[in-house]
N, C-alpha and C. Protein backbone atom coordinates (compact mmCIF):
# COMPACT_ATOMS: atom_id res chain seq x y z
N ARG A 1 142.62 138.33 182.96
CA ARG A 1 142.01 137.02 182.87
C ARG A 1 142.21 136.27 184.17
N GLN A 2 141.15 135.70 184.63
CA GLN A 2 141.22 134.88 185.83
C GLN A 2 141.07 133.41 185.44
N PRO A 3 141.85 132.56 186.07
CA PRO A 3 141.70 131.14 185.76
C PRO A 3 140.38 130.60 186.33
N ILE A 4 139.87 129.58 185.70
CA ILE A 4 138.64 128.96 186.18
C ILE A 4 138.89 128.27 187.52
N LEU A 5 140.00 127.56 187.60
CA LEU A 5 140.39 126.90 188.84
C LEU A 5 141.74 127.43 189.29
N LEU A 6 141.82 127.79 190.55
CA LEU A 6 143.09 128.21 191.13
C LEU A 6 143.92 126.97 191.45
N LEU A 7 145.18 127.17 191.78
CA LEU A 7 146.08 126.04 192.03
C LEU A 7 145.57 125.13 193.14
N TRP A 8 145.10 125.70 194.24
CA TRP A 8 144.61 124.87 195.33
C TRP A 8 143.33 124.14 194.95
N MET A 9 142.54 124.69 194.03
CA MET A 9 141.35 123.99 193.55
C MET A 9 141.74 122.80 192.69
N TRP A 10 142.78 122.99 191.86
CA TRP A 10 143.30 121.88 191.06
C TRP A 10 143.78 120.75 191.97
N ARG A 11 144.52 121.11 193.00
CA ARG A 11 145.02 120.09 193.93
C ARG A 11 143.88 119.33 194.57
N ASN A 12 142.86 120.05 195.01
CA ASN A 12 141.70 119.40 195.62
C ASN A 12 140.99 118.48 194.63
N SER A 13 140.86 118.94 193.39
CA SER A 13 140.20 118.13 192.37
C SER A 13 140.99 116.85 192.07
N VAL A 14 142.29 116.99 191.97
CA VAL A 14 143.12 115.82 191.69
C VAL A 14 143.08 114.84 192.87
N MET A 15 143.19 115.35 194.08
CA MET A 15 143.14 114.47 195.25
C MET A 15 141.78 113.77 195.36
N ASN A 16 140.71 114.52 195.11
CA ASN A 16 139.37 113.94 195.14
C ASN A 16 139.25 112.84 194.10
N SER A 17 139.77 113.07 192.91
CA SER A 17 139.72 112.07 191.84
C SER A 17 140.52 110.83 192.20
N LEU A 18 141.70 111.01 192.77
CA LEU A 18 142.52 109.86 193.16
C LEU A 18 141.85 109.05 194.26
N ILE A 19 141.28 109.72 195.23
CA ILE A 19 140.60 109.01 196.32
C ILE A 19 139.39 108.26 195.78
N LEU A 20 138.61 108.91 194.94
CA LEU A 20 137.43 108.27 194.37
C LEU A 20 137.81 107.06 193.53
N THR A 21 138.85 107.19 192.73
CA THR A 21 139.32 106.07 191.92
C THR A 21 139.75 104.90 192.79
N GLY A 22 140.51 105.19 193.84
CA GLY A 22 140.95 104.13 194.75
C GLY A 22 139.79 103.44 195.44
N VAL A 23 138.82 104.21 195.89
CA VAL A 23 137.67 103.62 196.59
C VAL A 23 136.85 102.75 195.64
N ILE A 24 136.55 103.25 194.45
CA ILE A 24 135.72 102.49 193.52
C ILE A 24 136.45 101.23 193.04
N LEU A 25 137.74 101.32 192.78
CA LEU A 25 138.49 100.11 192.41
C LEU A 25 138.53 99.10 193.55
N SER A 26 138.64 99.59 194.77
CA SER A 26 138.60 98.69 195.93
C SER A 26 137.25 98.02 196.06
N VAL A 27 136.19 98.76 195.85
CA VAL A 27 134.84 98.18 195.89
C VAL A 27 134.70 97.12 194.80
N TYR A 28 135.20 97.40 193.61
CA TYR A 28 135.12 96.43 192.51
C TYR A 28 135.91 95.17 192.83
N LEU A 29 137.11 95.32 193.37
CA LEU A 29 137.89 94.14 193.75
C LEU A 29 137.19 93.34 194.84
N TRP A 30 136.62 94.03 195.82
CA TRP A 30 135.85 93.34 196.86
C TRP A 30 134.69 92.58 196.24
N ALA A 31 133.96 93.22 195.30
CA ALA A 31 132.81 92.57 194.68
C ALA A 31 133.25 91.37 193.84
N LEU A 32 134.40 91.46 193.17
CA LEU A 32 134.91 90.31 192.42
C LEU A 32 135.19 89.14 193.35
N VAL A 33 135.81 89.42 194.48
CA VAL A 33 136.09 88.35 195.44
C VAL A 33 134.79 87.80 196.03
N TYR A 34 133.85 88.68 196.32
CA TYR A 34 132.58 88.26 196.91
C TYR A 34 131.77 87.40 195.95
N TYR A 35 131.62 87.82 194.70
CA TYR A 35 130.78 87.10 193.74
C TYR A 35 131.50 85.98 193.01
N LEU A 36 132.78 86.17 192.70
CA LEU A 36 133.50 85.21 191.88
C LEU A 36 134.64 84.51 192.60
N ALA A 37 135.00 84.97 193.79
CA ALA A 37 136.13 84.44 194.55
C ALA A 37 137.41 84.50 193.73
N GLU A 38 137.55 85.52 192.90
CA GLU A 38 138.70 85.64 192.01
C GLU A 38 138.89 87.09 191.61
N THR A 39 140.15 87.48 191.38
CA THR A 39 140.43 88.83 190.88
C THR A 39 141.26 88.82 189.59
N ARG A 40 141.79 87.69 189.22
CA ARG A 40 142.61 87.62 188.00
C ARG A 40 141.71 87.51 186.78
N VAL A 41 141.95 88.37 185.79
CA VAL A 41 141.09 88.44 184.61
C VAL A 41 141.12 87.14 183.82
N ASP A 42 142.29 86.54 183.64
CA ASP A 42 142.37 85.32 182.85
C ASP A 42 141.57 84.18 183.48
N ARG A 43 141.60 84.07 184.80
CA ARG A 43 140.82 83.04 185.47
C ARG A 43 139.33 83.32 185.43
N ILE A 44 138.96 84.58 185.53
CA ILE A 44 137.55 84.95 185.44
C ILE A 44 137.02 84.61 184.05
N MET A 45 137.77 84.94 183.01
CA MET A 45 137.34 84.63 181.64
C MET A 45 137.27 83.12 181.42
N ALA A 46 138.20 82.37 181.98
CA ALA A 46 138.14 80.91 181.85
C ALA A 46 136.91 80.36 182.56
N ASP A 47 136.59 80.91 183.73
CA ASP A 47 135.38 80.46 184.44
C ASP A 47 134.12 80.78 183.65
N ILE A 48 134.08 81.94 183.03
CA ILE A 48 132.91 82.33 182.24
C ILE A 48 132.73 81.38 181.06
N LYS A 49 133.83 81.01 180.41
CA LYS A 49 133.75 80.08 179.28
C LYS A 49 133.38 78.68 179.73
N GLN A 50 133.81 78.29 180.92
CA GLN A 50 133.61 76.92 181.39
C GLN A 50 132.25 76.71 182.06
N TYR A 51 131.82 77.66 182.87
CA TYR A 51 130.61 77.48 183.67
C TYR A 51 129.51 78.43 183.22
N LYS A 52 128.31 77.89 183.04
CA LYS A 52 127.16 78.73 182.72
C LYS A 52 126.76 79.52 183.96
N GLY A 53 126.35 80.76 183.78
CA GLY A 53 125.89 81.59 184.88
C GLY A 53 126.97 82.44 185.52
N THR A 54 128.22 82.20 185.21
CA THR A 54 129.30 82.98 185.81
C THR A 54 129.30 84.41 185.29
N GLU A 55 128.86 84.60 184.04
CA GLU A 55 128.84 85.96 183.50
C GLU A 55 127.87 86.84 184.27
N GLY A 56 126.83 86.26 184.84
CA GLY A 56 125.90 87.02 185.68
C GLY A 56 126.56 87.49 186.97
N LEU A 57 127.45 86.66 187.51
CA LEU A 57 128.17 87.04 188.73
C LEU A 57 129.14 88.19 188.45
N LEU A 58 129.77 88.15 187.27
CA LEU A 58 130.65 89.25 186.88
C LEU A 58 129.84 90.53 186.70
N ALA A 59 128.66 90.40 186.11
CA ALA A 59 127.78 91.57 185.95
C ALA A 59 127.37 92.11 187.31
N ASN A 60 127.15 91.24 188.29
CA ASN A 60 126.83 91.71 189.64
C ASN A 60 127.96 92.54 190.23
N ALA A 61 129.19 92.07 190.07
CA ALA A 61 130.35 92.80 190.59
C ALA A 61 130.48 94.16 189.90
N GLN A 62 130.26 94.19 188.59
CA GLN A 62 130.33 95.45 187.86
C GLN A 62 129.22 96.40 188.29
N THR A 63 128.04 95.84 188.56
CA THR A 63 126.91 96.66 189.02
C THR A 63 127.19 97.27 190.38
N VAL A 64 127.79 96.51 191.27
CA VAL A 64 128.14 97.02 192.60
C VAL A 64 129.09 98.21 192.47
N ALA A 65 130.10 98.08 191.62
CA ALA A 65 131.05 99.17 191.42
C ALA A 65 130.37 100.39 190.80
N PHE A 66 129.50 100.17 189.83
CA PHE A 66 128.82 101.29 189.18
C PHE A 66 127.89 102.02 190.15
N ILE A 67 127.13 101.27 190.94
CA ILE A 67 126.23 101.90 191.91
C ILE A 67 127.03 102.68 192.95
N SER A 68 128.18 102.16 193.36
CA SER A 68 129.04 102.88 194.30
C SER A 68 129.51 104.20 193.69
N LEU A 69 129.87 104.17 192.42
CA LEU A 69 130.29 105.39 191.73
C LEU A 69 129.16 106.41 191.65
N VAL A 70 127.97 105.96 191.30
CA VAL A 70 126.83 106.87 191.19
C VAL A 70 126.50 107.49 192.54
N TRP A 71 126.48 106.69 193.59
CA TRP A 71 126.20 107.22 194.94
C TRP A 71 127.25 108.23 195.36
N SER A 72 128.51 107.93 195.09
CA SER A 72 129.56 108.85 195.51
C SER A 72 129.48 110.16 194.72
N GLU A 73 129.10 110.11 193.45
CA GLU A 73 128.94 111.33 192.68
C GLU A 73 127.73 112.13 193.17
N ASN A 74 126.68 111.45 193.57
CA ASN A 74 125.52 112.16 194.14
C ASN A 74 125.90 112.86 195.44
N ILE A 75 126.66 112.20 196.27
CA ILE A 75 127.12 112.81 197.52
C ILE A 75 128.03 114.00 197.23
N ARG A 76 128.90 113.83 196.24
CA ARG A 76 129.81 114.92 195.89
C ARG A 76 129.06 116.13 195.35
N ALA A 77 127.94 115.90 194.69
CA ALA A 77 127.13 117.02 194.19
C ALA A 77 126.66 117.90 195.34
N TYR A 78 126.37 117.30 196.47
CA TYR A 78 125.93 118.08 197.62
C TYR A 78 127.09 118.72 198.38
N THR A 79 128.22 118.04 198.43
CA THR A 79 129.31 118.53 199.27
C THR A 79 130.24 119.50 198.56
N SER A 80 130.18 119.61 197.26
CA SER A 80 131.10 120.51 196.55
C SER A 80 130.39 121.72 195.95
N ARG A 81 129.43 122.24 196.65
CA ARG A 81 128.66 123.37 196.15
C ARG A 81 129.38 124.69 196.36
N SER A 82 130.12 124.82 197.44
CA SER A 82 130.70 126.11 197.77
C SER A 82 132.05 125.92 198.45
N PHE A 83 132.94 126.91 198.27
CA PHE A 83 134.23 126.88 198.94
C PHE A 83 134.22 127.65 200.26
N ASP A 84 133.20 128.48 200.45
CA ASP A 84 133.21 129.33 201.63
C ASP A 84 132.01 129.15 202.56
N ARG A 85 131.11 128.25 202.25
CA ARG A 85 129.96 128.00 203.12
C ARG A 85 129.97 126.55 203.58
N PRO A 86 129.45 126.27 204.76
CA PRO A 86 129.39 124.89 205.24
C PRO A 86 128.45 124.03 204.37
N VAL A 87 128.64 122.74 204.43
CA VAL A 87 127.85 121.81 203.63
C VAL A 87 126.37 121.88 203.98
N CYS A 88 126.05 121.99 205.24
CA CYS A 88 124.65 121.94 205.69
C CYS A 88 123.88 123.23 205.43
N GLU A 89 124.55 124.30 205.11
CA GLU A 89 123.86 125.56 204.87
C GLU A 89 123.11 125.50 203.55
N ARG A 90 121.80 125.64 203.61
CA ARG A 90 120.91 125.57 202.44
C ARG A 90 121.15 124.31 201.63
N LEU A 91 121.22 123.19 202.30
CA LEU A 91 121.56 121.91 201.67
C LEU A 91 120.55 121.51 200.60
N LEU A 92 119.27 121.67 200.86
CA LEU A 92 118.24 121.23 199.92
C LEU A 92 117.57 122.39 199.20
N ALA A 93 118.24 123.51 199.06
CA ALA A 93 117.63 124.71 198.50
C ALA A 93 117.48 124.66 196.98
N ASN A 94 118.31 123.91 196.29
CA ASN A 94 118.27 123.87 194.83
C ASN A 94 117.26 122.81 194.37
N TYR A 95 116.10 123.27 193.95
CA TYR A 95 115.01 122.38 193.53
C TYR A 95 115.43 121.50 192.35
N TYR A 96 116.12 122.07 191.38
CA TYR A 96 116.50 121.31 190.18
C TYR A 96 117.51 120.21 190.49
N MET A 97 118.38 120.46 191.45
CA MET A 97 119.32 119.42 191.85
C MET A 97 118.59 118.27 192.53
N GLN A 98 117.58 118.59 193.32
CA GLN A 98 116.78 117.55 193.98
C GLN A 98 116.09 116.68 192.93
N ARG A 99 115.59 117.30 191.90
CA ARG A 99 114.93 116.55 190.82
C ARG A 99 115.93 115.69 190.04
N ALA A 100 117.12 116.22 189.81
CA ALA A 100 118.12 115.49 189.04
C ALA A 100 118.63 114.28 189.81
N ILE A 101 118.84 114.42 191.10
CA ILE A 101 119.38 113.31 191.89
C ILE A 101 118.28 112.36 192.32
N GLY A 102 117.13 112.89 192.67
CA GLY A 102 116.03 112.06 193.18
C GLY A 102 115.32 111.34 192.11
């Protein structure tokens, strides 16, 4: 029996996940500061209850983080195709992947 992922593949997957999590959380915190000028949840909820339209700004920050996640996953789909071939080799060869991402 062969494992699906070898030890070095597990390490790469875990590191990739940690980096992606850190980047997306950083983008979300930046978007909270940009749209709401706040990062504390209790203050954000108080602002939403007090001021009309603030919930839209929170939705904007959440949308920025979600779009960042989707873009990064699309990029990862292209860059994690093979362990032994360069990224640019046959980059657009998979028609179904082009349809799924495009």
